[in-house]
C-alpha atoms as a PDB file:
ATOM      1  CA  MET A   1     125.786 119.887 126.369  1.00  0.00           C
ATOM      2  CA  ARG A   2     128.733 117.502 126.829  1.00  0.00           C
ATOM      3  CA  VAL A   3     126.482 115.037 128.641  1.00  0.00           C
ATOM      4  CA  ARG A   4     123.906 115.097 125.830  1.00  0.00           C
ATOM      5  CA  LYS A   5     126.631 114.574 123.224  1.00  0.00           C
ATOM      6  CA  SER A   6     128.090 111.688 125.219  1.00  0.00           C
ATOM      7  CA  VAL A   7     124.669 110.046 125.563  1.00  0.00           C
ATOM      8  CA  ALA A   8     124.031 110.512 121.826  1.00  0.00           C
ATOM      9  CA  ARG A   9     127.379 108.905 120.950  1.00  0.00           C
ATOM     10  CA  PHE A  10     126.732 105.988 123.311  1.00  0.00           C
ATOM     11  CA  THR A  11     123.243 105.460 121.879  1.00  0.00           C
ATOM     12  CA  ARG A  12     124.590 105.603 118.331  1.00  0.00           C
ATOM     13  CA  ARG A  13     127.267 103.005 119.122  1.00  0.00           C
ATOM     14  CA  ARG A  14     124.679 100.676 120.639  1.00  0.00           C
ATOM     15  CA  GLN A  15     122.430 101.118 117.611  1.00  0.00           C
ATOM     16  CA  ASP A  16     125.324 100.463 115.220  1.00  0.00           C
ATOM     17  CA  ALA A  17     126.172  97.272 117.118  1.00  0.00           C
ATOM     18  CA  LEU A  18     122.542  96.111 116.961  1.00  0.00           C
ATOM     19  CA  GLU A  19     122.420  96.806 113.207  1.00  0.00           C
ATOM     20  CA  ARG A  20     125.574  94.757 112.630  1.00  0.00           C
ATOM     21  CA  TRP A  21     124.211  91.896 114.741  1.00  0.00           C
ATOM     22  CA  PHE A  22     120.875  91.891 112.956  1.00  0.00           C
ATOM     23  CA  GLY A  23     122.586  92.103 109.567  1.00  0.00           C
ATOM     24  CA  GLN A  24     124.840  89.140 110.368  1.00  0.00           C
ATOM     25  CA  HIS A  25     121.906  86.940 111.405  1.00  0.00           C
ATOM     26  CA  SER A  26     119.346  88.021 108.815  1.00  0.00           C
ATOM     27  CA  LEU A  27     117.803  85.029 107.035  1.00  0.00           C
ATOM     28  CA  VAL A  28     117.354  87.061 103.840  1.00  0.00           C
ATOM     29  CA  GLY A  29     120.834  88.537 103.567  1.00  0.00           C
ATOM     30  CA  ASN A  30     122.045  92.050 104.238  1.00  0.00           C
ATOM     31  CA  ASP A  31     122.204  93.632 100.788  1.00  0.00           C
ATOM     32  CA  PRO A  32     120.596  96.959  99.833  1.00  0.00           C
ATOM     33  CA  ILE A  33     118.236  95.264  97.338  1.00  0.00           C
ATOM     34  CA  LEU A  34     116.857  91.930  98.516  1.00  0.00           C
ATOM     35  CA  ASP A  35     115.732  88.827  96.639  1.00  0.00           C
ATOM     36  CA  ARG A  36     111.979  88.996  95.988  1.00  0.00           C
ATOM     37  CA  GLY A  37     111.881  85.200  95.993  1.00  0.00           C
ATOM     38  CA  ASP A  38     112.599  85.156  99.729  1.00  0.00           C
ATOM     39  CA  PHE A  39     109.190  86.728 100.412  1.00  0.00           C
ATOM     40  CA  PRO A  40     106.243  84.523  99.320  1.00  0.00           C
ATOM     41  CA  TRP A  41     103.717  87.338  99.847  1.00  0.00           C
ATOM     42  CA  VAL A  42     105.269  89.341  96.988  1.00  0.00           C
ATOM     43  CA  GLU A  43     103.462  87.160  94.450  1.00  0.00           C
ATOM     44  CA  ARG A  44     100.088  87.743  96.151  1.00  0.00           C
ATOM     45  CA  LEU A  45     100.684  91.478  96.341  1.00  0.00           C
ATOM     46  CA  GLU A  46     101.583  91.722  92.665  1.00  0.00           C
ATOM     47  CA  ALA A  47      98.571  89.613  91.661  1.00  0.00           C
ATOM     48  CA  ALA A  48      96.352  92.114  93.486  1.00  0.00           C
ATOM     49  CA  ALA A  49      97.994  95.146  91.849  1.00  0.00           C
ATOM     50  CA  PRO A  50      95.182  95.826  89.305  1.00  0.00           C
ATOM     51  CA  ALA A  51      92.548  95.867  92.079  1.00  0.00           C
ATOM     52  CA  ILE A  52      94.770  98.016  94.297  1.00  0.00           C
ATOM     53  CA  ARG A  53      95.310 100.436  91.412  1.00  0.00           C
ATOM     54  CA  ARG A  54      91.546 100.769  90.898  1.00  0.00           C
ATOM     55  CA  GLU A  55      91.040 101.606  94.576  1.00  0.00           C
ATOM     56  CA  LEU A  56      93.939 104.046  94.444  1.00  0.00           C
ATOM     57  CA  GLU A  57      92.197 106.022  91.698  1.00  0.00           C
ATOM     58  CA  GLY A  58      89.394 106.876  94.116  1.00  0.00           C
ATOM     59  CA  VAL A  59      91.897 107.986  96.745  1.00  0.00           C
ATOM     60  CA  LEU A  60      93.719 110.198  94.250  1.00  0.00           C
ATOM     61  CA  SER A  61      90.538 112.177  93.657  1.00  0.00           C
ATOM     62  CA  ASP A  62      91.174 113.551  97.174  1.00  0.00           C
ATOM     63  CA  ARG A  63      94.937 113.938  96.736  1.00  0.00           C
ATOM     64  CA  GLN A  64      95.083 117.607  97.708  1.00  0.00           C
ATOM     65  CA  ARG A  65      93.340 116.838 101.015  1.00  0.00           C
ATOM     66  CA  LEU A  66      95.676 114.023 102.009  1.00  0.00           C
ATOM     67  CA  PRO A  67      98.301 114.646 104.700  1.00  0.00           C
ATOM     68  CA  SER A  68     101.956 114.891 103.839  1.00  0.00           C
ATOM     69  CA  LEU A  69     104.374 112.712 105.744  1.00  0.00           C
ATOM     70  CA  GLN A  70     105.647 115.834 107.523  1.00  0.00           C
ATOM     71  CA  ASP A  71     102.099 116.655 108.660  1.00  0.00           C
ATOM     72  CA  LEU A  72     101.986 113.379 110.569  1.00  0.00           C
ATOM     73  CA  SER A  73     105.637 113.040 111.569  1.00  0.00           C
ATOM     74  CA  PRO A  74     107.468 116.344 112.075  1.00  0.00           C
ATOM     75  CA  THR A  75     110.756 114.425 112.386  1.00  0.00           C
ATOM     76  CA  GLN A  76     110.547 114.015 108.588  1.00  0.00           C
ATOM     77  CA  MET A  77     110.755 117.770 108.051  1.00  0.00           C
ATOM     78  CA  GLY A  78     113.396 118.688 105.531  1.00  0.00           C
ATOM     79  CA  ILE A  79     113.555 115.530 103.424  1.00  0.00           C
ATOM     80  CA  THR A  80     110.932 116.906 100.988  1.00  0.00           C
ATOM     81  CA  LYS A  81     109.365 120.266 100.264  1.00  0.00           C
ATOM     82  CA  GLY A  82     105.948 121.138 101.688  1.00  0.00           C
ATOM     83  CA  GLY A  83     103.251 118.797 100.408  1.00  0.00           C
ATOM     84  CA  ASP A  84     105.396 116.952  97.854  1.00  0.00           C
ATOM     85  CA  TRP A  85     105.027 113.607  99.657  1.00  0.00           C
ATOM     86  CA  LYS A  86     101.387 112.708 100.369  1.00  0.00           C
ATOM     87  CA  THR A  87     100.243 109.655 102.314  1.00  0.00           C
ATOM     88  CA  PHE A  88      97.214 107.399 102.787  1.00  0.00           C
ATOM     89  CA  PHE A  89      97.855 105.035 105.717  1.00  0.00           C
ATOM     90  CA  PHE A  90      96.357 101.583 106.221  1.00  0.00           C
ATOM     91  CA  HIS A  91      98.609 100.220 108.983  1.00  0.00           C
ATOM     92  CA  ALA A  92     101.229 101.760 111.268  1.00  0.00           C
ATOM     93  CA  TYR A  93     102.905  99.698 113.991  1.00  0.00           C
ATOM     94  CA  GLY A  94      99.881  98.004 115.497  1.00  0.00           C
ATOM     95  CA  LEU A  95      97.346 100.629 114.443  1.00  0.00           C
ATOM     96  CA  ARG A  96      94.867  99.941 111.643  1.00  0.00           C
ATOM     97  CA  SER A  97      92.862 102.648 109.882  1.00  0.00           C
ATOM     98  CA  GLU A  98      89.471 100.961 109.651  1.00  0.00           C
ATOM     99  CA  ARG A  99      88.046 103.781 107.545  1.00  0.00           C
ATOM    100  CA  HIS A 100      90.857 103.698 105.015  1.00  0.00           C
ATOM    101  CA  CYS A 101      90.685  99.898 104.890  1.00  0.00           C
ATOM    102  CA  ALA A 102      86.914 100.041 104.314  1.00  0.00           C
ATOM    103  CA  ARG A 103      87.449 102.491 101.464  1.00  0.00           C
ATOM    104  CA  CYS A 104      89.997 100.154  99.824  1.00  0.00           C
ATOM    105  CA  PRO A 105      88.784  96.645 100.741  1.00  0.00           C
ATOM    106  CA  GLU A 106      90.872  94.678  98.231  1.00  0.00           C
ATOM    107  CA  THR A 107      94.010  96.521  99.299  1.00  0.00           C
ATOM    108  CA  ALA A 108      93.144  95.827 102.941  1.00  0.00           C
ATOM    109  CA  ARG A 109      92.489  92.154 102.210  1.00  0.00           C
ATOM    110  CA  VAL A 110      95.889  91.508 100.674  1.00  0.00           C
ATOM    111  CA  LEU A 111      97.678  93.564 103.332  1.00  0.00           C
ATOM    112  CA  ASP A 112      96.004  91.499 106.049  1.00  0.00           C
ATOM    113  CA  SER A 113      97.467  88.366 104.435  1.00  0.00           C
ATOM    114  CA  ILE A 114     101.100  89.528 104.711  1.00  0.00           C
ATOM    115  CA  PRO A 115     102.920  87.959 107.689  1.00  0.00           C
ATOM    116  CA  GLY A 116     104.668  90.403 109.993  1.00  0.00           C
ATOM    117  CA  LEU A 117     103.180  93.514 108.394  1.00  0.00           C
ATOM    118  CA  GLN A 118     104.061  96.638 110.403  1.00  0.00           C
ATOM    119  CA  LEU A 119     103.463  99.587 108.074  1.00  0.00           C
ATOM    120  CA  ALA A 120     101.467 100.148 104.879  1.00  0.00           C
ATOM    121  CA  PHE A 121     100.452 103.285 103.024  1.00  0.00           C
ATOM    122  CA  PHE A 122     100.044 104.765  99.571  1.00  0.00           C
ATOM    123  CA  SER A 123     103.157 106.884  99.039  1.00  0.00           C
ATOM    124  CA  ILE A 124     102.321 109.674  96.579  1.00  0.00           C
ATOM    125  CA  LEU A 125     105.196 111.784  95.254  1.00  0.00           C
ATOM    126  CA  ALA A 126     104.475 115.012  93.397  1.00  0.00           C
ATOM    127  CA  PRO A 127     105.930 115.864  89.971  1.00  0.00           C
ATOM    128  CA  HIS A 128     109.499 117.194  90.072  1.00  0.00           C
ATOM    129  CA  ALA A 129     109.841 116.231  93.739  1.00  0.00           C
ATOM    130  CA  HIS A 130     112.943 114.970  95.485  1.00  0.00           C
ATOM    131  CA  ILE A 131     113.176 112.979  98.718  1.00  0.00           C
ATOM    132  CA  SER A 132     116.645 113.811  99.978  1.00  0.00           C
ATOM    133  CA  ALA A 133     119.163 111.218 101.109  1.00  0.00           C
ATOM    134  CA  HIS A 134     118.237 109.584 104.409  1.00  0.00           C
ATOM    135  CA  LYS A 135     118.249 106.174 106.067  1.00  0.00           C
ATOM    136  CA  GLY A 136     115.909 104.122 108.186  1.00  0.00           C
ATOM    137  CA  VAL A 137     116.700 103.746 111.859  1.00  0.00           C
ATOM    138  CA  TYR A 138     115.946 100.068 112.479  1.00  0.00           C
ATOM    139  CA  LYS A 139     117.430  96.946 110.887  1.00  0.00           C
ATOM    140  CA  GLY A 140     114.640  94.684 112.128  1.00  0.00           C
ATOM    141  CA  LEU A 141     112.328  95.711 109.290  1.00  0.00           C
ATOM    142  CA  ILE A 142     112.292  95.086 105.537  1.00  0.00           C
ATOM    143  CA  ARG A 143     110.702  97.583 103.153  1.00  0.00           C
ATOM    144  CA  ALA A 144     108.888  96.927  99.879  1.00  0.00           C
ATOM    145  CA  HIS A 145     107.384  99.162  97.212  1.00  0.00           C
ATOM    146  CA  LEU A 146     104.641  97.948  94.876  1.00  0.00           C
ATOM    147  CA  GLY A 147     104.684 100.210  91.820  1.00  0.00           C
ATOM    148  CA  LEU A 148     101.189 101.549  91.080  1.00  0.00           C
ATOM    149  CA  VAL A 149     101.649 104.773  89.090  1.00  0.00           C
ATOM    150  CA  VAL A 150     105.002 105.208  87.357  1.00  0.00           C
ATOM    151  CA  PRO A 151     105.045 108.180  84.965  1.00  0.00           C
ATOM    152  CA  GLU A 152     107.084 108.418  81.786  1.00  0.00           C
ATOM    153  CA  PRO A 153     109.930 108.635  81.104  1.00  0.00           C
ATOM    154  CA  ARG A 154     110.465 105.871  83.648  1.00  0.00           C
ATOM    155  CA  ASP A 155     114.189 106.441  83.986  1.00  0.00           C
ATOM    156  CA  LYS A 156     113.426 109.918  85.337  1.00  0.00           C
ATOM    157  CA  VAL A 157     111.560 108.534  88.360  1.00  0.00           C
ATOM    158  CA  ARG A 158     113.950 106.442  90.373  1.00  0.00           C
ATOM    159  CA  MET A 159     115.379 105.532  93.774  1.00  0.00           C
ATOM    160  CA  ARG A 160     118.960 105.051  94.907  1.00  0.00           C
ATOM    161  CA  VAL A 161     119.552 102.509  97.685  1.00  0.00           C
ATOM    162  CA  GLY A 162     123.196 102.432  98.702  1.00  0.00           C
ATOM    163  CA  ASP A 163     124.978 102.395  95.342  1.00  0.00           C
ATOM    164  CA  GLU A 164     122.124 100.734  93.450  1.00  0.00           C
ATOM    165  CA  ILE A 165     119.502 102.483  91.299  1.00  0.00           C
ATOM    166  CA  VAL A 166     115.913 101.217  91.245  1.00  0.00           C
ATOM    167  CA  VAL A 167     113.414 102.112  88.513  1.00  0.00           C
ATOM    168  CA  TRP A 168     109.875 101.121  89.486  1.00  0.00           C
ATOM    169  CA  GLU A 169     107.546  99.076  87.291  1.00  0.00           C
ATOM    170  CA  GLU A 170     103.779  99.219  87.637  1.00  0.00           C
ATOM    171  CA  GLY A 171     102.499  96.021  89.219  1.00  0.00           C
ATOM    172  CA  ARG A 172     105.924  94.868  90.389  1.00  0.00           C
ATOM    173  CA  CYS A 173     107.555  94.909  93.846  1.00  0.00           C
ATOM    174  CA  VAL A 174     111.038  95.924  94.836  1.00  0.00           C
ATOM    175  CA  VAL A 175     112.201  94.742  98.272  1.00  0.00           C
ATOM    176  CA  PHE A 176     115.033  96.574 100.019  1.00  0.00           C
ATOM    177  CA  ASP A 177     116.754  97.466 103.279  1.00  0.00           C
ATOM    178  CA  ASP A 178     115.962 101.081 104.100  1.00  0.00           C
ATOM    179  CA  THR A 179     118.767 101.345 106.673  1.00  0.00           C
ATOM    180  CA  TYR A 180     121.028 101.899 103.679  1.00  0.00           C
ATOM    181  CA  ASN A 181     121.295 105.531 102.635  1.00  0.00           C
ATOM    182  CA  HIS A 182     118.625 106.128  99.993  1.00  0.00           C
ATOM    183  CA  GLU A 183     116.895 108.928  98.088  1.00  0.00           C
ATOM    184  CA  VAL A 184     114.160 109.352  95.487  1.00  0.00           C
ATOM    185  CA  TRP A 185     113.692 111.561  92.428  1.00  0.00           C
ATOM    186  CA  ASN A 186     110.586 112.207  90.357  1.00  0.00           C
ATOM    187  CA  ASP A 187     111.872 114.305  87.467  1.00  0.00           C
ATOM    188  CA  THR A 188     108.655 113.944  85.447  1.00  0.00           C
ATOM    189  CA  ASP A 189     105.404 115.860  85.018  1.00  0.00           C
ATOM    190  CA  GLY A 190     103.317 113.099  86.640  1.00  0.00           C
ATOM    191  CA  ILE A 191     102.805 111.771  90.145  1.00  0.00           C
ATOM    192  CA  ARG A 192     104.540 108.598  91.293  1.00  0.00           C
ATOM    193  CA  VAL A 193     102.601 106.249  93.585  1.00  0.00           C
ATOM    194  CA  VAL A 194     103.780 103.097  95.323  1.00  0.00           C
ATOM    195  CA  LEU A 195     102.218 100.988  98.046  1.00  0.00           C
ATOM    196  CA  LEU A 196     104.924 101.176 100.715  1.00  0.00           C
ATOM    197  CA  ILE A 197     105.056  98.400 103.292  1.00  0.00           C
ATOM    198  CA  ASP A 198     107.356  97.354 106.129  1.00  0.00           C
ATOM    199  CA  VAL A 199     107.484  93.772 107.371  1.00  0.00           C
ATOM    200  CA  LEU A 200     109.471  92.021 110.080  1.00  0.00           C
ATOM    201  CA  ARG A 201     112.902  90.913 108.916  1.00  0.00           C
ATOM    202  CA  PRO A 202     113.194  87.101 109.049  1.00  0.00           C
ATOM    203  CA  PHE A 203     115.511  85.939 111.854  1.00  0.00           C
ATOM    204  CA  PRO A 204     116.245  82.739 113.783  1.00  0.00           C
ATOM    205  CA  PRO A 205     113.770  82.172 116.655  1.00  0.00           C
ATOM    206  CA  VAL A 206     115.593  84.007 119.481  1.00  0.00           C
ATOM    207  CA  LEU A 207     116.273  87.117 117.418  1.00  0.00           C
ATOM    208  CA  ARG A 208     112.761  86.951 115.998  1.00  0.00           C
ATOM    209  CA  ALA A 209     111.347  87.234 119.526  1.00  0.00           C
ATOM    210  CA  LEU A 210     113.742  90.070 120.407  1.00  0.00           C
ATOM    211  CA  ASN A 211     112.822  91.936 117.239  1.00  0.00           C
ATOM    212  CA  LYS A 212     109.107  91.731 118.014  1.00  0.00           C
ATOM    213  CA  ALA A 213     109.714  92.934 121.576  1.00  0.00           C
ATOM    214  CA  LEU A 214     111.774  95.924 120.436  1.00  0.00           C
ATOM    215  CA  ILE A 215     109.091  96.936 117.959  1.00  0.00           C
ATOM    216  CA  ARG A 216     106.422  96.695 120.664  1.00  0.00           C
ATOM    217  CA  VAL A 217     108.496  99.072 122.790  1.00  0.00           C
ATOM    218  CA  ALA A 218     108.904 101.429 119.817  1.00  0.00           C
ATOM    219  CA  THR A 219     105.122 101.722 119.465  1.00  0.00           C
ATOM    220  CA  LEU A 220     105.064 103.414 122.887  1.00  0.00           C
ATOM    221  CA  THR A 221     107.570 106.133 121.972  1.00  0.00           C
ATOM    222  CA  PRO A 222     106.505 109.705 121.123  1.00  0.00           C
ATOM    223  CA  PHE A 223     107.764 109.163 117.557  1.00  0.00           C
ATOM    224  CA  VAL A 224     104.892 106.698 117.003  1.00  0.00           C
ATOM    225  CA  THR A 225     102.254 107.966 119.439  1.00  0.00           C
ATOM    226  CA  ARG A 226     102.386 111.572 118.177  1.00  0.00           C
ATOM    227  CA  ALA A 227     102.055 110.457 114.571  1.00  0.00           C
ATOM    228  CA  ALA A 228      99.129 108.190 115.511  1.00  0.00           C
ATOM    229  CA  ARG A 229      97.358 111.054 117.286  1.00  0.00           C
ATOM    230  CA  LYS A 230      97.875 113.398 114.346  1.00  0.00           C
ATOM    231  CA  HIS A 231      96.536 110.777 111.949  1.00  0.00           C
ATOM    232  CA  ARG A 232      93.420 110.213 114.082  1.00  0.00           C
ATOM    233  CA  GLU A 233      92.785 113.965 114.151  1.00  0.00           C
ATOM    234  CA  TRP A 234      93.235 114.241 110.381  1.00  0.00           C
ATOM    235  CA  GLU A 235      91.021 111.190 109.764  1.00  0.00           C
ATOM    236  CA  GLN A 236      88.201 112.598 111.900  1.00  0.00           C
ATOM    237  CA  ALA A 237      88.304 115.863 109.959  1.00  0.00           C
ATOM    238  CA  PHE A 238      88.509 114.063 106.600  1.00  0.00           C
ATOM    239  CA  TYR A 239      85.601 111.686 107.219  1.00  0.00           C
ATOM    240  CA  GLY A 240      83.570 114.074 109.332  1.00  0.00           C
ATOM    241  CA  GLY A 241      83.868 112.743 112.864  1.00  0.00           C
END
């Protein structure tokens, strides 16, 4: 037990040091909420929002059959209740769901145009759901949400990132650093849907190469491979083989 605790403390210290180093050398700053203007693809994503929303409507007709995040990644157990947080994945760390992309071709097209894309899925939060406070584990990524369905009253569906409160707007992106403590509330009677994406954080050349290498290693860990296997199994059942 002492050995495991010592290893955990050592690993945590190394991770904290890496986060500080990455934060100091980030080309887009190190704030909880980041400047949208530093990411040229934001404009393309927002321009495609009406087409993405139309494709989302077809996906939502199958909402009850979609997997929750916990179904695919048991490490997420506890941050939401049961099936409150449904997902529809397009990309996940080198994996591409060809069937989902074929079902939503305009969404797939604009996602394929985003440099450094690592993760993309429709994030569907049930009415009166809460995603408890948590933080991302890796500073080498930047997260963005494109608001697609934001129920009224809008101030009752919100996200806290660090000490800042975000209220989504349909058709508009918010870009943030998910390694800051954050949580989400949907205190309305409607579902909230965003297109959630992760992209590589911009760094100088040497750190850029290191970041890509670390992410390649991460794709080989059980955290990623188990989730990928579970998604393939769900997809085969959903589409019928």
